[in-house]
Structure formats: C-alpha cells, structure tokens
Amino acid sequence: MLKVEELRQSLRILEQCLNNMPEGPFKADHPLTTPPPKERTLQHIETLITHFLQVSWGPVMPANESFQMVEATKGINSYYLTSDGSTMSYRTRIRTPSYAHLQQIPAAIRGSLVSDADCLSGQYRFCYVRCGPLIMHEINNHKPRLLS
C-alpha cells in the first residue's frame, strides 16, 4: 500500500513538472556537451565534422582530478578521474555499491547454513561481475595494473 502511494506522489510530481515546463528548446546549445540538432548536421559539413570528432574522440578534458558520487539503484557509484588534458582520462577508477555489499557478507553469513547463501545473495543484491578485481589502466605505460 505504501508503494502505491509513493507512485501516486511521483506521478503528481511529474504532472507538476510538465505543467510548469517553459516553452522553447529543452536541450543546451553548448557544443562540448550537447550534440547539434540533426537538421544542422545534415545541412552543414562543418557541423557534421565537429559532431563526428566529438562522438569518436570525446571532449578535451582539462588537466585536473575529479571525484563524483552518483546515487544508483543499489547504493552509490563513485567515479575518480585524472586527466592530463587530452581526450581520454589518464586514470579512471569506478567503485560500485556491489563491492561494499560483498564486504558485509562474512558478518551476515556467520552461523548460517550453506543453503542460506542464495537467500543472502538475493538480499544484498550485489553483482558478482562488479566485485571482481579492480583493474586500472594507465595511459603512459599502456599496461593494466591490478589494484585489488
């Protein structure tokens, strides 16, 4: 019953957003973050070339470090990027919530039966693929390095 009320409230919020949305374009007109409209790429060769380069190479990232945390369905994803000023990051680290969930398993299964492992796996909802060894790729030496 609680989920139904939560869905109704979410629907009301969406209706308010649609009713209060201003007229006009809804995409940003920034060349580094937003692809140009399809009409411009089909009519102007310069726009098509710029669009192709941005899609194939990506934007040039300023030389710096950045750390961002994003709320995901199972917890928080964290991203750490180090850039040297090129179109690719120099170092990238991604930590998913499944890694933190996996660390809780030894305490959770203590005293349980082997047959309970499946139930506990479903309770924590972690993804085994994302819990594998963390491999960091460094651009300079072109060799992946095992971190965990």
N, C-alpha and C. Protein backbone atom coordinates (compact mmCIF):
# COMPACT_ATOMS: atom_id res chain seq x y z
N MET A 1 0.82 -1.19 0.00
CA MET A 1 0.00 0.00 0.00
C MET A 1 0.86 1.26 0.00
N LEU A 2 1.98 1.17 0.70
CA LEU A 2 2.89 2.31 0.77
C LEU A 2 3.50 2.60 -0.60
N LYS A 3 3.84 1.56 -1.35
CA LYS A 3 4.41 1.74 -2.69
C LYS A 3 3.41 2.40 -3.63
N VAL A 4 2.13 2.07 -3.51
CA VAL A 4 1.10 2.66 -4.36
C VAL A 4 1.02 4.16 -4.11
N GLU A 5 1.05 4.56 -2.84
CA GLU A 5 1.01 5.99 -2.52
C GLU A 5 2.27 6.70 -3.00
N GLU A 6 3.39 6.02 -2.90
CA GLU A 6 4.65 6.60 -3.39
C GLU A 6 4.59 6.81 -4.90
N LEU A 7 4.01 5.86 -5.63
CA LEU A 7 3.85 6.00 -7.07
C LEU A 7 2.90 7.15 -7.42
N ARG A 8 1.83 7.31 -6.64
CA ARG A 8 0.90 8.42 -6.89
C ARG A 8 1.58 9.77 -6.68
N GLN A 9 2.38 9.87 -5.62
CA GLN A 9 3.11 11.12 -5.37
C GLN A 9 4.11 11.40 -6.50
N SER A 10 4.78 10.37 -6.97
CA SER A 10 5.72 10.54 -8.07
C SER A 10 5.00 11.00 -9.33
N LEU A 11 3.82 10.46 -9.57
CA LEU A 11 3.03 10.87 -10.73
C LEU A 11 2.60 12.33 -10.60
N ARG A 12 2.23 12.76 -9.40
CA ARG A 12 1.87 14.17 -9.18
C ARG A 12 3.06 15.09 -9.44
N ILE A 13 4.23 14.68 -9.01
CA ILE A 13 5.43 15.49 -9.24
C ILE A 13 5.71 15.61 -10.74
N LEU A 14 5.56 14.51 -11.47
CA LEU A 14 5.76 14.55 -12.92
C LEU A 14 4.75 15.45 -13.61
N GLU A 15 3.50 15.41 -13.18
CA GLU A 15 2.47 16.28 -13.75
C GLU A 15 2.79 17.74 -13.49
N GLN A 16 3.27 18.07 -12.29
CA GLN A 16 3.65 19.44 -11.98
C GLN A 16 4.81 19.89 -12.86
N CYS A 17 5.76 19.02 -13.08
CA CYS A 17 6.90 19.37 -13.93
C CYS A 17 6.44 19.64 -15.36
N LEU A 18 5.56 18.80 -15.88
CA LEU A 18 5.06 19.00 -17.24
C LEU A 18 4.24 20.28 -17.36
N ASN A 19 3.43 20.58 -16.35
CA ASN A 19 2.60 21.78 -16.40
C ASN A 19 3.41 23.06 -16.27
N ASN A 20 4.53 23.03 -15.54
CA ASN A 20 5.33 24.23 -15.32
C ASN A 20 6.54 24.33 -16.23
N MET A 21 6.67 23.43 -17.19
CA MET A 21 7.82 23.47 -18.09
C MET A 21 7.68 24.64 -19.06
N PRO A 22 8.71 25.48 -19.18
CA PRO A 22 8.62 26.62 -20.09
C PRO A 22 8.68 26.18 -21.55
N GLU A 23 8.19 27.04 -22.43
CA GLU A 23 8.22 26.77 -23.86
C GLU A 23 9.64 26.95 -24.39
N GLY A 24 9.92 26.36 -25.54
CA GLY A 24 11.22 26.54 -26.17
C GLY A 24 12.04 25.27 -26.15
N PRO A 25 13.29 25.40 -26.61
CA PRO A 25 14.15 24.21 -26.67
C PRO A 25 14.50 23.70 -25.28
N PHE A 26 14.64 22.40 -25.16
CA PHE A 26 14.93 21.81 -23.86
C PHE A 26 16.37 21.28 -23.78
N LYS A 27 17.10 21.34 -24.87
CA LYS A 27 18.49 20.91 -24.87
C LYS A 27 19.41 22.13 -24.81
N ALA A 28 20.52 21.99 -24.13
CA ALA A 28 21.50 23.06 -24.07
C ALA A 28 22.14 23.24 -25.45
N ASP A 29 22.60 24.43 -25.72
CA ASP A 29 23.24 24.71 -27.00
C ASP A 29 24.75 24.87 -26.81
N HIS A 30 25.32 24.00 -26.00
CA HIS A 30 26.76 24.05 -25.73
C HIS A 30 27.45 23.01 -26.60
N PRO A 31 28.41 23.41 -27.43
CA PRO A 31 28.99 22.46 -28.39
C PRO A 31 29.79 21.32 -27.77
N LEU A 32 30.30 21.50 -26.54
CA LEU A 32 31.11 20.44 -25.93
C LEU A 32 30.29 19.39 -25.21
N THR A 33 29.06 19.72 -24.83
CA THR A 33 28.28 18.78 -24.04
C THR A 33 27.05 18.24 -24.76
N THR A 34 26.55 18.95 -25.74
CA THR A 34 25.30 18.55 -26.38
C THR A 34 25.51 18.40 -27.88
N PRO A 35 25.13 17.29 -28.46
CA PRO A 35 25.24 17.16 -29.91
C PRO A 35 24.33 18.17 -30.61
N PRO A 36 24.74 18.64 -31.79
CA PRO A 36 23.90 19.61 -32.50
C PRO A 36 22.62 18.96 -33.01
N PRO A 37 21.62 19.76 -33.33
CA PRO A 37 20.38 19.19 -33.90
C PRO A 37 20.66 18.45 -35.20
N LYS A 38 19.89 17.43 -35.46
CA LYS A 38 20.08 16.58 -36.63
C LYS A 38 20.02 17.38 -37.93
N GLU A 39 19.14 18.41 -37.97
CA GLU A 39 18.99 19.21 -39.19
C GLU A 39 20.30 19.90 -39.55
N ARG A 40 21.01 20.43 -38.52
CA ARG A 40 22.27 21.13 -38.79
C ARG A 40 23.35 20.17 -39.26
N THR A 41 23.40 18.96 -38.71
CA THR A 41 24.45 18.01 -39.12
C THR A 41 24.22 17.52 -40.55
N LEU A 42 22.97 17.50 -40.99
CA LEU A 42 22.68 17.05 -42.35
C LEU A 42 22.87 18.15 -43.38
N GLN A 43 22.87 19.42 -42.96
CA GLN A 43 22.95 20.53 -43.90
C GLN A 43 24.32 21.20 -43.96
N HIS A 44 25.08 21.16 -42.86
CA HIS A 44 26.36 21.87 -42.81
C HIS A 44 27.48 20.87 -42.54
N ILE A 45 28.47 20.82 -43.44
CA ILE A 45 29.55 19.85 -43.30
C ILE A 45 30.42 20.16 -42.08
N GLU A 46 30.58 21.45 -41.72
CA GLU A 46 31.39 21.81 -40.56
C GLU A 46 30.78 21.24 -39.28
N THR A 47 29.46 21.34 -39.18
CA THR A 47 28.77 20.81 -38.00
C THR A 47 28.88 19.29 -37.96
N LEU A 48 28.80 18.65 -39.10
CA LEU A 48 28.91 17.19 -39.16
C LEU A 48 30.31 16.74 -38.73
N ILE A 49 31.35 17.44 -39.20
CA ILE A 49 32.72 17.08 -38.83
C ILE A 49 32.93 17.26 -37.33
N THR A 50 32.48 18.39 -36.79
CA THR A 50 32.62 18.64 -35.35
C THR A 50 31.88 17.58 -34.54
N HIS A 51 30.68 17.25 -34.97
CA HIS A 51 29.90 16.22 -34.27
C HIS A 51 30.61 14.86 -34.33
N PHE A 52 31.15 14.51 -35.49
CA PHE A 52 31.85 13.24 -35.63
C PHE A 52 33.07 13.17 -34.71
N LEU A 53 33.85 14.26 -34.65
CA LEU A 53 35.04 14.27 -33.79
C LEU A 53 34.67 14.18 -32.32
N GLN A 54 33.60 14.85 -31.93
CA GLN A 54 33.19 14.80 -30.52
C GLN A 54 32.68 13.42 -30.14
N VAL A 55 31.98 12.77 -31.04
CA VAL A 55 31.45 11.44 -30.73
C VAL A 55 32.57 10.40 -30.74
N SER A 56 33.49 10.49 -31.68
CA SER A 56 34.54 9.48 -31.78
C SER A 56 35.68 9.72 -30.79
N TRP A 57 36.07 10.97 -30.55
CA TRP A 57 37.18 11.25 -29.63
C TRP A 57 36.71 11.72 -28.27
N GLY A 58 35.61 12.42 -28.23
CA GLY A 58 35.12 12.98 -26.97
C GLY A 58 35.67 14.38 -26.75
N PRO A 59 35.13 15.08 -25.77
CA PRO A 59 35.61 16.44 -25.49
C PRO A 59 36.99 16.40 -24.83
N VAL A 60 37.73 17.48 -24.96
CA VAL A 60 39.03 17.61 -24.31
C VAL A 60 38.78 17.95 -22.85
N MET A 61 39.29 17.09 -21.97
CA MET A 61 39.10 17.32 -20.53
C MET A 61 40.26 18.15 -20.01
N PRO A 62 39.98 19.17 -19.19
CA PRO A 62 41.07 19.95 -18.62
C PRO A 62 41.92 19.08 -17.69
N ALA A 63 43.22 19.40 -17.63
CA ALA A 63 44.14 18.63 -16.79
C ALA A 63 43.80 18.88 -15.32
N ASN A 64 43.25 17.87 -14.67
CA ASN A 64 42.83 18.01 -13.28
C ASN A 64 42.38 16.64 -12.76
N GLU A 65 41.97 16.62 -11.50
CA GLU A 65 41.38 15.42 -10.90
C GLU A 65 39.93 15.71 -10.58
N SER A 66 39.09 14.69 -10.67
CA SER A 66 37.68 14.86 -10.36
C SER A 66 37.16 13.60 -9.67
N PHE A 67 36.33 13.81 -8.66
CA PHE A 67 35.70 12.70 -7.95
C PHE A 67 34.22 13.01 -7.86
N GLN A 68 33.38 12.10 -8.32
CA GLN A 68 31.94 12.29 -8.28
C GLN A 68 31.28 11.04 -7.72
N MET A 69 30.23 11.28 -6.94
CA MET A 69 29.43 10.18 -6.42
C MET A 69 28.01 10.33 -6.96
N VAL A 70 27.46 9.24 -7.47
CA VAL A 70 26.14 9.25 -8.08
C VAL A 70 25.29 8.19 -7.40
N GLU A 71 24.07 8.56 -7.03
CA GLU A 71 23.18 7.59 -6.40
C GLU A 71 22.68 6.61 -7.46
N ALA A 72 22.84 5.34 -7.17
CA ALA A 72 22.39 4.28 -8.08
C ALA A 72 21.28 3.49 -7.41
N THR A 73 20.78 2.48 -8.09
CA THR A 73 19.67 1.70 -7.54
C THR A 73 20.08 0.87 -6.35
N LYS A 74 21.32 0.42 -6.29
CA LYS A 74 21.76 -0.45 -5.21
C LYS A 74 22.67 0.25 -4.21
N GLY A 75 22.90 1.53 -4.37
CA GLY A 75 23.79 2.26 -3.48
C GLY A 75 24.39 3.46 -4.19
N ILE A 76 25.68 3.69 -3.98
CA ILE A 76 26.34 4.86 -4.56
C ILE A 76 27.48 4.40 -5.46
N ASN A 77 27.48 4.88 -6.70
CA ASN A 77 28.61 4.68 -7.60
C ASN A 77 29.56 5.84 -7.42
N SER A 78 30.85 5.57 -7.35
CA SER A 78 31.82 6.65 -7.26
C SER A 78 32.79 6.55 -8.43
N TYR A 79 33.11 7.70 -8.99
CA TYR A 79 33.98 7.80 -10.15
C TYR A 79 35.13 8.75 -9.83
N TYR A 80 36.34 8.32 -10.08
CA TYR A 80 37.52 9.15 -9.87
C TYR A 80 38.29 9.21 -11.19
N LEU A 81 38.46 10.41 -11.72
CA LEU A 81 39.16 10.60 -12.99
C LEU A 81 40.36 11.51 -12.79
N THR A 82 41.45 11.18 -13.43
CA THR A 82 42.61 12.06 -13.50
C THR A 82 42.87 12.30 -14.98
N SER A 83 42.95 13.56 -15.37
CA SER A 83 43.13 13.90 -16.77
C SER A 83 44.44 14.65 -16.95
N ASP A 84 45.09 14.40 -18.09
CA ASP A 84 46.31 15.12 -18.43
C ASP A 84 46.07 16.15 -19.53
N GLY A 85 44.82 16.46 -19.82
CA GLY A 85 44.48 17.48 -20.81
C GLY A 85 44.18 16.92 -22.19
N SER A 86 44.08 15.61 -22.34
CA SER A 86 43.77 15.02 -23.64
C SER A 86 42.29 14.64 -23.68
N THR A 87 41.91 13.90 -24.71
CA THR A 87 40.51 13.49 -24.83
C THR A 87 40.19 12.24 -24.03
N MET A 88 41.20 11.58 -23.48
CA MET A 88 40.99 10.39 -22.65
C MET A 88 41.52 10.67 -21.25
N SER A 89 40.93 10.02 -20.28
CA SER A 89 41.41 10.21 -18.91
C SER A 89 42.73 9.47 -18.74
N TYR A 90 43.60 10.03 -17.93
CA TYR A 90 44.89 9.40 -17.64
C TYR A 90 44.69 8.21 -16.72
N ARG A 91 43.78 8.35 -15.75
CA ARG A 91 43.50 7.29 -14.79
C ARG A 91 42.01 7.34 -14.47
N THR A 92 41.37 6.19 -14.41
CA THR A 92 39.95 6.10 -14.10
C THR A 92 39.73 5.01 -13.06
N ARG A 93 38.97 5.35 -12.02
CA ARG A 93 38.59 4.36 -11.01
C ARG A 93 37.08 4.44 -10.82
N ILE A 94 36.43 3.30 -10.82
CA ILE A 94 34.98 3.24 -10.62
C ILE A 94 34.72 2.25 -9.49
N ARG A 95 33.96 2.68 -8.50
CA ARG A 95 33.61 1.80 -7.37
C ARG A 95 32.09 1.69 -7.31
N THR A 96 31.60 0.48 -7.43
CA THR A 96 30.16 0.25 -7.43
C THR A 96 29.70 -0.16 -6.03
N PRO A 97 28.40 -0.07 -5.75
CA PRO A 97 27.91 -0.49 -4.44
C PRO A 97 28.10 -1.98 -4.18
N SER A 98 28.19 -2.78 -5.22
CA SER A 98 28.34 -4.22 -5.04
C SER A 98 29.62 -4.56 -4.29
N TYR A 99 30.65 -3.76 -4.47
CA TYR A 99 31.92 -4.01 -3.78
C TYR A 99 31.74 -3.84 -2.27
N ALA A 100 31.01 -2.81 -1.86
CA ALA A 100 30.75 -2.60 -0.44
C ALA A 100 29.82 -3.68 0.12
N HIS A 101 28.84 -4.10 -0.68
CA HIS A 101 27.92 -5.14 -0.23
C HIS A 101 28.65 -6.47 -0.02
N LEU A 102 29.61 -6.76 -0.88
CA LEU A 102 30.35 -8.00 -0.76
C LEU A 102 31.15 -8.05 0.55
N GLN A 103 31.62 -6.91 1.02
CA GLN A 103 32.40 -6.87 2.25
C GLN A 103 31.54 -7.18 3.48
N GLN A 104 30.23 -7.05 3.38
CA GLN A 104 29.34 -7.34 4.50
C GLN A 104 28.98 -8.83 4.61
N ILE A 105 29.25 -9.59 3.58
CA ILE A 105 28.82 -10.98 3.54
C ILE A 105 29.41 -11.83 4.67
N PRO A 106 30.70 -11.76 5.01
CA PRO A 106 31.21 -12.64 6.08
C PRO A 106 30.48 -12.45 7.40
N ALA A 107 30.16 -11.22 7.76
CA ALA A 107 29.43 -10.99 9.01
C ALA A 107 27.98 -11.47 8.91
N ALA A 108 27.40 -11.37 7.72
CA ALA A 108 25.99 -11.75 7.55
C ALA A 108 25.79 -13.26 7.54
N ILE A 109 26.76 -14.01 7.03
CA ILE A 109 26.56 -15.46 6.92
C ILE A 109 27.08 -16.23 8.12
N ARG A 110 27.70 -15.55 9.06
CA ARG A 110 28.22 -16.25 10.25
C ARG A 110 27.07 -16.94 10.98
N GLY A 111 27.17 -18.23 11.16
CA GLY A 111 26.14 -19.00 11.85
C GLY A 111 25.02 -19.48 10.95
N SER A 112 25.08 -19.18 9.66
CA SER A 112 24.02 -19.60 8.73
C SER A 112 24.38 -20.94 8.09
N LEU A 113 23.39 -21.53 7.46
CA LEU A 113 23.59 -22.77 6.72
C LEU A 113 24.08 -22.45 5.31
N VAL A 114 24.69 -23.43 4.67
CA VAL A 114 25.16 -23.25 3.30
C VAL A 114 23.99 -22.97 2.37
N SER A 115 22.85 -23.59 2.65
CA SER A 115 21.68 -23.40 1.79
C SER A 115 21.12 -21.98 1.89
N ASP A 116 21.49 -21.23 2.93
CA ASP A 116 21.01 -19.85 3.07
C ASP A 116 21.81 -18.86 2.23
N ALA A 117 22.89 -19.30 1.62
CA ALA A 117 23.75 -18.39 0.86
C ALA A 117 23.00 -17.75 -0.30
N ASP A 118 22.14 -18.52 -0.95
CA ASP A 118 21.37 -17.98 -2.07
C ASP A 118 20.43 -16.87 -1.61
N CYS A 119 19.78 -17.07 -0.48
CA CYS A 119 18.86 -16.05 0.05
C CYS A 119 19.62 -14.78 0.42
N LEU A 120 20.78 -14.95 1.04
CA LEU A 120 21.57 -13.78 1.41
C LEU A 120 22.07 -13.03 0.18
N SER A 121 22.42 -13.79 -0.85
CA SER A 121 22.86 -13.17 -2.10
C SER A 121 21.74 -12.32 -2.69
N GLY A 122 20.52 -12.81 -2.65
CA GLY A 122 19.38 -12.04 -3.15
C GLY A 122 19.05 -10.85 -2.27
N GLN A 123 19.29 -10.98 -0.97
CA GLN A 123 19.00 -9.89 -0.05
C GLN A 123 19.94 -8.71 -0.28
N TYR A 124 21.22 -8.98 -0.49
CA TYR A 124 22.18 -7.90 -0.69
C TYR A 124 22.19 -7.40 -2.13
N ARG A 125 21.70 -8.20 -3.05
CA ARG A 125 21.57 -7.83 -4.45
C ARG A 125 22.87 -7.29 -5.04
N PHE A 126 23.94 -7.97 -4.84
CA PHE A 126 25.19 -7.50 -5.43
C PHE A 126 25.46 -8.23 -6.73
N CYS A 127 26.21 -7.59 -7.57
CA CYS A 127 26.55 -8.14 -8.88
C CYS A 127 27.96 -8.71 -8.80
N TYR A 128 28.10 -10.00 -9.04
CA TYR A 128 29.41 -10.65 -8.93
C TYR A 128 30.42 -10.07 -9.91
N VAL A 129 29.96 -9.68 -11.08
CA VAL A 129 30.88 -9.15 -12.09
C VAL A 129 31.54 -7.86 -11.60
N ARG A 130 30.78 -7.02 -10.92
CA ARG A 130 31.32 -5.75 -10.45
C ARG A 130 32.19 -5.91 -9.21
N CYS A 131 32.22 -7.09 -8.63
CA CYS A 131 33.03 -7.34 -7.44
C CYS A 131 34.38 -7.93 -7.79
N GLY A 132 34.63 -8.14 -9.06
CA GLY A 132 35.89 -8.74 -9.48
C GLY A 132 37.07 -7.84 -9.19
N PRO A 133 38.24 -8.27 -9.58
CA PRO A 133 39.42 -7.46 -9.32
C PRO A 133 39.34 -6.13 -10.05
N LEU A 134 39.78 -5.09 -9.39
CA LEU A 134 39.77 -3.76 -9.97
C LEU A 134 41.02 -3.59 -10.80
N ILE A 135 40.86 -3.35 -12.08
CA ILE A 135 41.99 -3.18 -12.97
C ILE A 135 42.03 -1.72 -13.41
N MET A 136 43.16 -1.08 -13.17
CA MET A 136 43.31 0.33 -13.53
C MET A 136 44.20 0.40 -14.77
N HIS A 137 43.80 1.20 -15.73
CA HIS A 137 44.55 1.34 -16.96
C HIS A 137 45.25 2.68 -16.95
N GLU A 138 46.56 2.67 -17.09
CA GLU A 138 47.32 3.91 -17.16
C GLU A 138 47.75 4.12 -18.60
N ILE A 139 47.54 5.34 -19.10
CA ILE A 139 47.79 5.64 -20.50
C ILE A 139 49.29 5.63 -20.82
N ASN A 140 50.11 6.15 -19.94
CA ASN A 140 51.53 6.34 -20.26
C ASN A 140 52.25 5.03 -20.54
N ASN A 141 52.07 4.03 -19.70
CA ASN A 141 52.81 2.79 -19.93
C ASN A 141 51.98 1.74 -20.66
N HIS A 142 50.73 2.03 -20.96
CA HIS A 142 49.83 1.14 -21.73
C HIS A 142 49.72 -0.25 -21.13
N LYS A 143 49.86 -0.36 -19.81
CA LYS A 143 49.75 -1.65 -19.15
C LYS A 143 48.68 -1.57 -18.07
N PRO A 144 47.74 -2.51 -18.08
CA PRO A 144 46.77 -2.54 -16.98
C PRO A 144 47.46 -2.98 -15.69
N ARG A 145 47.01 -2.44 -14.57
CA ARG A 145 47.60 -2.75 -13.28
C ARG A 145 46.50 -3.26 -12.36
N LEU A 146 46.71 -4.39 -11.71
CA LEU A 146 45.74 -4.98 -10.80
C LEU A 146 45.81 -4.27 -9.46
N LEU A 147 44.66 -3.74 -9.00
CA LEU A 147 44.64 -3.00 -7.74
C LEU A 147 44.12 -3.82 -6.59
N SER A 148 43.15 -4.68 -6.80
CA SER A 148 42.61 -5.45 -5.68
C SER A 148 42.25 -6.85 -6.11
